[in-house]
Amino acid sequence: GSLFMDLTPELGSLPNVQAMFDAEPYARVVSTTTDGKILGTPTV
């Protein structure tokens, strides 16, 4: 996980991704690690 960027604090720069998470909450669930990070974005 340390090789990849945690996108959680970067969602302000990812408005399309944030809109997807708002519309599809489960997409954020499957994208979140056990320690609360978002290390990748999904396909929905």
All heavy atoms as atom14 arrays in JSON, in Angstrom:
{
  "sequence": "GSLFMDLTPELGSLPNVQAMFDAEPYARVVSTTTDGKILGTPTV",
  "atom14_mask": [
    [1, 1, 1, 1, 0, 0, 0, 0, 0, 0, 0, 0, 0, 0],
    [1, 1, 1, 1, 1, 1, 0, 0, 0, 0, 0, 0, 0, 0],
    [1, 1, 1, 1, 1, 1, 1, 1, 0, 0, 0, 0, 0, 0],
    [1, 1, 1, 1, 1, 1, 1, 1, 1, 1, 1, 0, 0, 0],
    [1, 1, 1, 1, 1, 1, 1, 1, 0, 0, 0, 0, 0, 0],
    [1, 1, 1, 1, 1, 1, 1, 1, 0, 0, 0, 0, 0, 0],
    [1, 1, 1, 1, 1, 1, 1, 1, 0, 0, 0, 0, 0, 0],
    [1, 1, 1, 1, 1, 1, 1, 0, 0, 0, 0, 0, 0, 0],
    [1, 1, 1, 1, 1, 1, 1, 0, 0, 0, 0, 0, 0, 0],
    [1, 1, 1, 1, 1, 1, 1, 1, 1, 0, 0, 0, 0, 0],
    [1, 1, 1, 1, 1, 1, 1, 1, 0, 0, 0, 0, 0, 0],
    [1, 1, 1, 1, 0, 0, 0, 0, 0, 0, 0, 0, 0, 0],
    [1, 1, 1, 1, 1, 1, 0, 0, 0, 0, 0, 0, 0, 0],
    [1, 1, 1, 1, 1, 1, 1, 1, 0, 0, 0, 0, 0, 0],
    [1, 1, 1, 1, 1, 1, 1, 0, 0, 0, 0, 0, 0, 0],
    [1, 1, 1, 1, 1, 1, 1, 1, 0, 0, 0, 0, 0, 0],
    [1, 1, 1, 1, 1, 1, 1, 0, 0, 0, 0, 0, 0, 0],
    [1, 1, 1, 1, 1, 1, 1, 1, 1, 0, 0, 0, 0, 0],
    [1, 1, 1, 1, 1, 0, 0, 0, 0, 0, 0, 0, 0, 0],
    [1, 1, 1, 1, 1, 1, 1, 1, 0, 0, 0, 0, 0, 0],
    [1, 1, 1, 1, 1, 1, 1, 1, 1, 1, 1, 0, 0, 0],
    [1, 1, 1, 1, 1, 1, 1, 1, 0, 0, 0, 0, 0, 0],
    [1, 1, 1, 1, 1, 0, 0, 0, 0, 0, 0, 0, 0, 0],
    [1, 1, 1, 1, 1, 1, 1, 1, 1, 0, 0, 0, 0, 0],
    [1, 1, 1, 1, 1, 1, 1, 0, 0, 0, 0, 0, 0, 0],
    [1, 1, 1, 1, 1, 1, 1, 1, 1, 1, 1, 1, 0, 0],
    [1, 1, 1, 1, 1, 0, 0, 0, 0, 0, 0, 0, 0, 0],
    [1, 1, 1, 1, 1, 1, 1, 1, 1, 1, 1, 0, 0, 0],
    [1, 1, 1, 1, 1, 1, 1, 0, 0, 0, 0, 0, 0, 0],
    [1, 1, 1, 1, 1, 1, 1, 0, 0, 0, 0, 0, 0, 0],
    [1, 1, 1, 1, 1, 1, 0, 0, 0, 0, 0, 0, 0, 0],
    [1, 1, 1, 1, 1, 1, 1, 0, 0, 0, 0, 0, 0, 0],
    [1, 1, 1, 1, 1, 1, 1, 0, 0, 0, 0, 0, 0, 0],
    [1, 1, 1, 1, 1, 1, 1, 0, 0, 0, 0, 0, 0, 0],
    [1, 1, 1, 1, 1, 1, 1, 1, 0, 0, 0, 0, 0, 0],
    [1, 1, 1, 1, 0, 0, 0, 0, 0, 0, 0, 0, 0, 0],
    [1, 1, 1, 1, 1, 1, 1, 1, 1, 0, 0, 0, 0, 0],
    [1, 1, 1, 1, 1, 1, 1, 1, 0, 0, 0, 0, 0, 0],
    [1, 1, 1, 1, 1, 1, 1, 1, 0, 0, 0, 0, 0, 0],
    [1, 1, 1, 1, 0, 0, 0, 0, 0, 0, 0, 0, 0, 0],
    [1, 1, 1, 1, 1, 1, 1, 0, 0, 0, 0, 0, 0, 0],
    [1, 1, 1, 1, 1, 1, 1, 0, 0, 0, 0, 0, 0, 0],
    [1, 1, 1, 1, 1, 1, 1, 0, 0, 0, 0, 0, 0, 0],
    [1, 1, 1, 1, 1, 1, 1, 0, 0, 0, 0, 0, 0, 0]
  ],
  "atom14_positions": [
    [[0.79, -1.22, 0.0], [0.0, 0.0, 0.0], [0.82, 1.27, 0.0], [0.39, 2.3, -0.53], [0.0, 0.0, 0.0], [0.0, 0.0, 0.0], [0.0, 0.0, 0.0], [0.0, 0.0, 0.0], [0.0, 0.0, 0.0], [0.0, 0.0, 0.0], [0.0, 0.0, 0.0], [0.0, 0.0, 0.0], [0.0, 0.0, 0.0], [0.0, 0.0, 0.0]],
    [[2.03, 1.22, 0.55], [2.86, 2.43, 0.62], [3.32, 2.9, -0.76], [3.77, 4.05, -0.9], [4.08, 2.17, 1.5], [4.89, 1.14, 0.95], [0.0, 0.0, 0.0], [0.0, 0.0, 0.0], [0.0, 0.0, 0.0], [0.0, 0.0, 0.0], [0.0, 0.0, 0.0], [0.0, 0.0, 0.0], [0.0, 0.0, 0.0], [0.0, 0.0, 0.0]],
    [[3.22, 2.04, -1.77], [3.63, 2.42, -3.12], [2.56, 3.24, -3.84], [2.84, 3.82, -4.89], [3.93, 1.18, -3.96], [5.1, 0.3, -3.53], [5.23, -0.9, -4.48], [6.39, 1.11, -3.5], [0.0, 0.0, 0.0], [0.0, 0.0, 0.0], [0.0, 0.0, 0.0], [0.0, 0.0, 0.0], [0.0, 0.0, 0.0], [0.0, 0.0, 0.0]],
    [[1.35, 3.3, -3.25], [0.24, 3.92, -3.95], [-0.33, 5.1, -3.16], [-0.32, 5.1, -1.93], [-0.86, 2.89, -4.23], [-0.35, 1.68, -4.96], [-0.15, 0.48, -4.3], [-0.03, 1.75, -6.31], [0.34, -0.63, -4.97], [0.46, 0.66, -6.99], [0.65, -0.55, -6.33], [0.0, 0.0, 0.0], [0.0, 0.0, 0.0], [0.0, 0.0, 0.0]],
    [[-0.81, 6.07, -3.88], [-1.32, 7.3, -3.27], [-2.68, 7.06, -2.62], [-3.56, 6.44, -3.22], [-1.46, 8.39, -4.34], [-1.89, 9.74, -3.79], [-2.13, 10.97, -5.11], [-0.48, 11.06, -5.81], [0.0, 0.0, 0.0], [0.0, 0.0, 0.0], [0.0, 0.0, 0.0], [0.0, 0.0, 0.0], [0.0, 0.0, 0.0], [0.0, 0.0, 0.0]],
    [[-2.83, 7.56, -1.4], [-4.14, 7.57, -0.75], [-4.93, 8.71, -1.37], [-4.58, 9.89, -1.22], [-3.99, 7.76, 0.76], [-5.32, 7.82, 1.48], [-6.36, 7.51, 0.85], [-5.33, 8.17, 2.68], [0.0, 0.0, 0.0], [0.0, 0.0, 0.0], [0.0, 0.0, 0.0], [0.0, 0.0, 0.0], [0.0, 0.0, 0.0], [0.0, 0.0, 0.0]],
    [[-6.0, 8.37, -2.07], [-6.78, 9.38, -2.78], [-7.83, 10.05, -1.91], [-8.5, 10.98, -2.37], [-7.45, 8.73, -4.0], [-6.49, 8.13, -5.03], [-7.28, 7.45, -6.16], [-5.57, 9.2, -5.62], [0.0, 0.0, 0.0], [0.0, 0.0, 0.0], [0.0, 0.0, 0.0], [0.0, 0.0, 0.0], [0.0, 0.0, 0.0], [0.0, 0.0, 0.0]],
    [[-7.96, 9.6, -0.67], [-8.99, 10.19, 0.2], [-8.84, 11.7, 0.33], [-9.81, 12.44, 0.13], [-8.95, 9.53, 1.6], [-8.99, 8.11, 1.46], [-10.12, 9.99, 2.45], [0.0, 0.0, 0.0], [0.0, 0.0, 0.0], [0.0, 0.0, 0.0], [0.0, 0.0, 0.0], [0.0, 0.0, 0.0], [0.0, 0.0, 0.0], [0.0, 0.0, 0.0]],
    [[-7.64, 12.22, 0.63], [-7.5, 13.69, 0.73], [-7.45, 14.39, -0.63], [-7.41, 15.62, -0.68], [-6.18, 13.86, 1.48], [-5.39, 12.64, 1.17], [-6.4, 11.54, 1.05], [0.0, 0.0, 0.0], [0.0, 0.0, 0.0], [0.0, 0.0, 0.0], [0.0, 0.0, 0.0], [0.0, 0.0, 0.0], [0.0, 0.0, 0.0], [0.0, 0.0, 0.0]],
    [[-7.44, 13.6, -1.71], [-7.33, 14.19, -3.05], [-8.68, 14.27, -3.78], [-8.73, 14.69, -4.93], [-6.36, 13.36, -3.92], [-5.04, 13.04, -3.27], [-4.21, 14.27, -2.92], [-4.47, 15.35, -3.52], [-3.33, 14.18, -2.05], [0.0, 0.0, 0.0], [0.0, 0.0, 0.0], [0.0, 0.0, 0.0], [0.0, 0.0, 0.0], [0.0, 0.0, 0.0]],
    [[-9.76, 13.88, -3.12], [-11.05, 13.82, -3.8], [-11.52, 15.19, -4.29], [-12.29, 15.28, -5.24], [-12.1, 13.19, -2.89], [-11.93, 11.68, -2.65], [-12.97, 11.17, -1.65], [-12.05, 10.91, -3.96], [0.0, 0.0, 0.0], [0.0, 0.0, 0.0], [0.0, 0.0, 0.0], [0.0, 0.0, 0.0], [0.0, 0.0, 0.0], [0.0, 0.0, 0.0]],
    [[-11.02, 16.25, -3.67], [-11.34, 17.59, -4.15], [-10.8, 17.84, -5.54], [-11.34, 18.66, -6.29], [0.0, 0.0, 0.0], [0.0, 0.0, 0.0], [0.0, 0.0, 0.0], [0.0, 0.0, 0.0], [0.0, 0.0, 0.0], [0.0, 0.0, 0.0], [0.0, 0.0, 0.0], [0.0, 0.0, 0.0], [0.0, 0.0, 0.0], [0.0, 0.0, 0.0]],
    [[-9.73, 17.13, -5.91], [-9.15, 17.23, -7.25], [-9.74, 16.18, -8.19], [-9.33, 16.1, -9.35], [-7.62, 17.06, -7.19], [-7.04, 18.05, -6.39], [0.0, 0.0, 0.0], [0.0, 0.0, 0.0], [0.0, 0.0, 0.0], [0.0, 0.0, 0.0], [0.0, 0.0, 0.0], [0.0, 0.0, 0.0], [0.0, 0.0, 0.0], [0.0, 0.0, 0.0]],
    [[-10.66, 15.39, -7.69], [-11.27, 14.31, -8.47], [-12.8, 14.43, -8.41], [-13.49, 13.55, -7.89], [-10.84, 12.95, -7.9], [-9.34, 12.64, -7.91], [-9.03, 11.41, -7.05], [-8.84, 12.43, -9.33], [0.0, 0.0, 0.0], [0.0, 0.0, 0.0], [0.0, 0.0, 0.0], [0.0, 0.0, 0.0], [0.0, 0.0, 0.0], [0.0, 0.0, 0.0]],
    [[-13.36, 15.52, -8.94], [-14.81, 15.73, -8.81], [-15.65, 14.64, -9.44], [-16.74, 14.33, -8.93], [-15.03, 17.08, -9.5], [-13.83, 17.27, -10.39], [-12.7, 16.62, -9.67], [0.0, 0.0, 0.0], [0.0, 0.0, 0.0], [0.0, 0.0, 0.0], [0.0, 0.0, 0.0], [0.0, 0.0, 0.0], [0.0, 0.0, 0.0], [0.0, 0.0, 0.0]],
    [[-15.18, 14.05, -10.55], [-15.94, 12.97, -11.16], [-15.98, 11.74, -10.27], [-16.99, 11.04, -10.17], [-15.34, 12.59, -12.52], [-15.52, 13.67, -13.57], [-16.45, 14.46, -13.5], [-14.63, 13.71, -14.54], [0.0, 0.0, 0.0], [0.0, 0.0, 0.0], [0.0, 0.0, 0.0], [0.0, 0.0, 0.0], [0.0, 0.0, 0.0], [0.0, 0.0, 0.0]],
    [[-14.87, 11.46, -9.61], [-14.79, 10.31, -8.7], [-15.67, 10.57, -7.47], [-16.39, 9.69, -7.01], [-13.33, 10.04, -8.28], [-13.27, 8.92, -7.25], [-12.49, 9.7, -9.51], [0.0, 0.0, 0.0], [0.0, 0.0, 0.0], [0.0, 0.0, 0.0], [0.0, 0.0, 0.0], [0.0, 0.0, 0.0], [0.0, 0.0, 0.0], [0.0, 0.0, 0.0]],
    [[-15.6, 11.78, -6.93], [-16.43, 12.12, -5.77], [-17.91, 11.99, -6.11], [-18.69, 11.46, -5.31], [-16.13, 13.54, -5.32], [-16.93, 13.99, -4.1], [-16.61, 13.2, -2.85], [-15.53, 13.33, -2.29], [-17.54, 12.36, -2.4], [0.0, 0.0, 0.0], [0.0, 0.0, 0.0], [0.0, 0.0, 0.0], [0.0, 0.0, 0.0], [0.0, 0.0, 0.0]],
    [[-18.29, 12.43, -7.31], [-19.7, 12.32, -7.71], [-20.11, 10.86, -7.8], [-21.25, 10.5, -7.44], [-19.9, 13.02, -9.06], [0.0, 0.0, 0.0], [0.0, 0.0, 0.0], [0.0, 0.0, 0.0], [0.0, 0.0, 0.0], [0.0, 0.0, 0.0], [0.0, 0.0, 0.0], [0.0, 0.0, 0.0], [0.0, 0.0, 0.0], [0.0, 0.0, 0.0]],
    [[-19.21, 10.01, -8.28], [-19.5, 8.58, -8.37], [-19.71, 7.99, -6.97], [-20.66, 7.24, -6.74], [-18.36, 7.85, -9.07], [-18.5, 6.34, -9.1], [-17.09, 5.53, -9.92], [-15.73, 6.02, -8.83], [0.0, 0.0, 0.0], [0.0, 0.0, 0.0], [0.0, 0.0, 0.0], [0.0, 0.0, 0.0], [0.0, 0.0, 0.0], [0.0, 0.0, 0.0]],
    [[-18.83, 8.34, -6.04], [-18.96, 7.82, -4.68], [-20.26, 8.3, -4.02], [-20.89, 7.56, -3.26], [-17.77, 8.25, -3.83], [-16.49, 7.51, -4.13], [-15.26, 8.07, -3.81], [-16.51, 6.25, -4.71], [-14.08, 7.39, -4.07], [-15.33, 5.57, -4.99], [-14.11, 6.14, -4.66], [0.0, 0.0, 0.0], [0.0, 0.0, 0.0], [0.0, 0.0, 0.0]],
    [[-20.65, 9.54, -4.33], [-21.9, 10.06, -3.77], [-23.1, 9.29, -4.32], [-24.05, 8.99, -3.58], [-22.05, 11.55, -4.1], [-21.04, 12.42, -3.36], [-20.47, 11.94, -2.36], [-20.82, 13.57, -3.79], [0.0, 0.0, 0.0], [0.0, 0.0, 0.0], [0.0, 0.0, 0.0], [0.0, 0.0, 0.0], [0.0, 0.0, 0.0], [0.0, 0.0, 0.0]],
    [[-23.07, 8.98, -5.6], [-24.19, 8.29, -6.24], [-24.18, 6.79, -5.99], [-25.23, 6.15, -5.97], [-24.17, 8.55, -7.76], [0.0, 0.0, 0.0], [0.0, 0.0, 0.0], [0.0, 0.0, 0.0], [0.0, 0.0, 0.0], [0.0, 0.0, 0.0], [0.0, 0.0, 0.0], [0.0, 0.0, 0.0], [0.0, 0.0, 0.0], [0.0, 0.0, 0.0]],
    [[-23.0, 6.23, -5.78], [-22.83, 4.79, -5.6], [-21.99, 4.52, -4.34], [-20.79, 4.24, -4.42], [-22.14, 4.18, -6.82], [-22.91, 4.28, -8.12], [-23.91, 3.13, -8.27], [-24.01, 2.3, -7.35], [-24.56, 3.06, -9.32], [0.0, 0.0, 0.0], [0.0, 0.0, 0.0], [0.0, 0.0, 0.0], [0.0, 0.0, 0.0], [0.0, 0.0, 0.0]],
    [[-22.59, 4.61, -3.16], [-21.82, 4.46, -1.91], [-21.05, 3.14, -1.84], [-19.95, 3.09, -1.26], [-22.89, 4.53, -0.82], [-24.01, 5.29, -1.45], [-24.0, 4.91, -2.89], [0.0, 0.0, 0.0], [0.0, 0.0, 0.0], [0.0, 0.0, 0.0], [0.0, 0.0, 0.0], [0.0, 0.0, 0.0], [0.0, 0.0, 0.0], [0.0, 0.0, 0.0]],
    [[-21.6, 2.09, -2.43], [-20.9, 0.8, -2.37], [-19.59, 0.85, -3.14], [-18.65, 0.11, -2.83], [-21.8, -0.31, -2.92], [-21.24, -1.7, -2.72], [-20.97, -2.18, -1.44], [-20.97, -2.53, -3.8], [-20.45, -3.45, -1.25], [-20.46, -3.8, -3.63], [-20.2, -4.25, -2.35], [-19.68, -5.5, -2.15], [0.0, 0.0, 0.0], [0.0, 0.0, 0.0]],
    [[-19.49, 1.73, -4.14], [-18.24, 1.88, -4.88], [-17.13, 2.36, -3.96], [-15.97, 1.95, -4.1], [-18.43, 2.86, -6.03], [0.0, 0.0, 0.0], [0.0, 0.0, 0.0], [0.0, 0.0, 0.0], [0.0, 0.0, 0.0], [0.0, 0.0, 0.0], [0.0, 0.0, 0.0], [0.0, 0.0, 0.0], [0.0, 0.0, 0.0], [0.0, 0.0, 0.0]],
    [[-17.48, 3.22, -3.02], [-16.47, 3.69, -2.06], [-16.11, 2.59, -1.08], [-14.95, 2.46, -0.68], [-16.97, 4.92, -1.32], [-15.94, 5.49, -0.35], [-16.21, 6.92, 0.03], [-15.1, 7.46, 0.83], [-14.86, 8.75, 1.0], [-15.65, 9.64, 0.41], [-13.86, 9.16, 1.74], [0.0, 0.0, 0.0], [0.0, 0.0, 0.0], [0.0, 0.0, 0.0]],
    [[-17.09, 1.78, -0.71], [-16.82, 0.68, 0.22], [-15.78, -0.27, -0.36], [-14.81, -0.63, 0.3], [-18.12, -0.08, 0.54], [-17.81, -1.35, 1.34], [-19.07, 0.8, 1.33], [0.0, 0.0, 0.0], [0.0, 0.0, 0.0], [0.0, 0.0, 0.0], [0.0, 0.0, 0.0], [0.0, 0.0, 0.0], [0.0, 0.0, 0.0], [0.0, 0.0, 0.0]],
    [[-15.96, -0.69, -1.62], [-15.04, -1.66, -2.2], [-13.68, -1.03, -2.5], [-12.7, -1.74, -2.76], [-15.61, -2.3, -3.49], [-16.94, -2.97, -3.22], [-15.74, -1.28, -4.63], [0.0, 0.0, 0.0], [0.0, 0.0, 0.0], [0.0, 0.0, 0.0], [0.0, 0.0, 0.0], [0.0, 0.0, 0.0], [0.0, 0.0, 0.0], [0.0, 0.0, 0.0]],
    [[-13.61, 0.32, -2.47], [-12.36, 1.01, -2.76], [-11.58, 1.36, -1.5], [-10.48, 1.91, -1.6], [-12.66, 2.3, -3.53], [-13.37, 2.05, -4.72], [0.0, 0.0, 0.0], [0.0, 0.0, 0.0], [0.0, 0.0, 0.0], [0.0, 0.0, 0.0], [0.0, 0.0, 0.0], [0.0, 0.0, 0.0], [0.0, 0.0, 0.0], [0.0, 0.0, 0.0]],
    [[-12.13, 1.06, -0.34], [-11.53, 1.49, 0.91], [-10.82, 0.34, 1.61], [-11.39, -0.74, 1.78], [-12.6, 2.09, 1.84], [-13.28, 3.15, 1.17], [-11.98, 2.63, 3.12], [0.0, 0.0, 0.0], [0.0, 0.0, 0.0], [0.0, 0.0, 0.0], [0.0, 0.0, 0.0], [0.0, 0.0, 0.0], [0.0, 0.0, 0.0], [0.0, 0.0, 0.0]],
    [[-9.58, 0.56, 2.01], [-8.78, -0.47, 2.68], [-9.22, -0.62, 4.13], [-10.01, 0.17, 4.65], [-7.29, -0.12, 2.62], [-7.07, 1.1, 3.36], [-6.83, 0.07, 1.18], [0.0, 0.0, 0.0], [0.0, 0.0, 0.0], [0.0, 0.0, 0.0], [0.0, 0.0, 0.0], [0.0, 0.0, 0.0], [0.0, 0.0, 0.0], [0.0, 0.0, 0.0]],
    [[-8.66, -1.61, 4.8], [-9.01, -1.85, 6.19], [-8.61, -0.71, 7.1], [-9.19, -0.55, 8.18], [-8.34, -3.15, 6.69], [-6.92, -3.04, 6.5], [-8.87, -4.36, 5.94], [0.0, 0.0, 0.0], [0.0, 0.0, 0.0], [0.0, 0.0, 0.0], [0.0, 0.0, 0.0], [0.0, 0.0, 0.0], [0.0, 0.0, 0.0], [0.0, 0.0, 0.0]],
    [[-7.64, 0.11, 6.69], [-7.24, 1.26, 7.52], [-7.8, 2.58, 6.98], [-7.31, 3.66, 7.29], [-5.72, 1.35, 7.66], [-5.0, 1.39, 6.32], [-5.68, 1.27, 5.28], [-3.77, 1.55, 6.31], [0.0, 0.0, 0.0], [0.0, 0.0, 0.0], [0.0, 0.0, 0.0], [0.0, 0.0, 0.0], [0.0, 0.0, 0.0], [0.0, 0.0, 0.0]],
    [[-8.85, 2.49, 6.14], [-9.59, 3.67, 5.74], [-9.04, 4.46, 4.57], [-9.5, 5.57, 4.32], [0.0, 0.0, 0.0], [0.0, 0.0, 0.0], [0.0, 0.0, 0.0], [0.0, 0.0, 0.0], [0.0, 0.0, 0.0], [0.0, 0.0, 0.0], [0.0, 0.0, 0.0], [0.0, 0.0, 0.0], [0.0, 0.0, 0.0], [0.0, 0.0, 0.0]],
    [[-8.1, 3.91, 3.84], [-7.53, 4.62, 2.7], [-8.22, 4.22, 1.39], [-8.75, 3.11, 1.28], [-6.04, 4.33, 2.58], [-5.21, 4.82, 3.77], [-3.75, 4.44, 3.6], [-2.92, 4.92, 4.79], [-1.5, 4.51, 4.65], [0.0, 0.0, 0.0], [0.0, 0.0, 0.0], [0.0, 0.0, 0.0], [0.0, 0.0, 0.0], [0.0, 0.0, 0.0]],
    [[-8.19, 5.12, 0.42], [-8.64, 4.81, -0.93], [-7.4, 4.76, -1.8], [-6.86, 5.81, -2.19], [-9.64, 5.86, -1.45], [-10.9, 5.89, -0.59], [-10.01, 5.56, -2.91], [-11.88, 6.98, -0.96], [0.0, 0.0, 0.0], [0.0, 0.0, 0.0], [0.0, 0.0, 0.0], [0.0, 0.0, 0.0], [0.0, 0.0, 0.0], [0.0, 0.0, 0.0]],
    [[-6.92, 3.56, -2.09], [-5.68, 3.4, -2.83], [-5.92, 3.13, -4.31], [-4.97, 2.96, -5.07], [-4.84, 2.27, -2.23], [-4.37, 2.49, -0.79], [-3.53, 1.31, -0.32], [-3.6, 3.8, -0.66], [0.0, 0.0, 0.0], [0.0, 0.0, 0.0], [0.0, 0.0, 0.0], [0.0, 0.0, 0.0], [0.0, 0.0, 0.0], [0.0, 0.0, 0.0]],
    [[-7.18, 3.09, -4.72], [-7.49, 2.89, -6.13], [-8.92, 3.28, -6.41], [-9.76, 3.3, -5.5], [0.0, 0.0, 0.0], [0.0, 0.0, 0.0], [0.0, 0.0, 0.0], [0.0, 0.0, 0.0], [0.0, 0.0, 0.0], [0.0, 0.0, 0.0], [0.0, 0.0, 0.0], [0.0, 0.0, 0.0], [0.0, 0.0, 0.0], [0.0, 0.0, 0.0]],
    [[-9.2, 3.59, -7.66], [-10.57, 3.91, -8.06], [-11.17, 2.74, -8.83], [-10.45, 2.02, -9.52], [-10.6, 5.19, -8.92], [-9.72, 5.03, -10.04], [-10.18, 6.4, -8.1], [0.0, 0.0, 0.0], [0.0, 0.0, 0.0], [0.0, 0.0, 0.0], [0.0, 0.0, 0.0], [0.0, 0.0, 0.0], [0.0, 0.0, 0.0], [0.0, 0.0, 0.0]],
    [[-12.47, 2.53, -8.73], [-13.1, 1.33, -9.29], [-13.68, 1.55, -10.69], [-13.63, 2.65, -11.25], [-14.23, 1.07, -8.31], [-14.69, 2.46, -7.95], [-13.44, 3.3, -7.91], [0.0, 0.0, 0.0], [0.0, 0.0, 0.0], [0.0, 0.0, 0.0], [0.0, 0.0, 0.0], [0.0, 0.0, 0.0], [0.0, 0.0, 0.0], [0.0, 0.0, 0.0]],
    [[-14.21, 0.48, -11.23], [-15.13, 0.57, -12.35], [-16.53, 0.3, -11.8], [-16.72, -0.68, -11.07], [-14.81, -0.48, -13.43], [-13.55, -0.18, -14.01], [-15.87, -0.47, -14.52], [0.0, 0.0, 0.0], [0.0, 0.0, 0.0], [0.0, 0.0, 0.0], [0.0, 0.0, 0.0], [0.0, 0.0, 0.0], [0.0, 0.0, 0.0], [0.0, 0.0, 0.0]],
    [[-17.48, 1.15, -12.13], [-18.86, 0.95, -11.72], [-19.7, 0.82, -12.98], [-19.74, 1.73, -13.8], [-19.37, 2.11, -10.85], [-20.85, 1.93, -10.53], [-18.57, 2.21, -9.56], [0.0, 0.0, 0.0], [0.0, 0.0, 0.0], [0.0, 0.0, 0.0], [0.0, 0.0, 0.0], [0.0, 0.0, 0.0], [0.0, 0.0, 0.0], [0.0, 0.0, 0.0]]
  ]
}
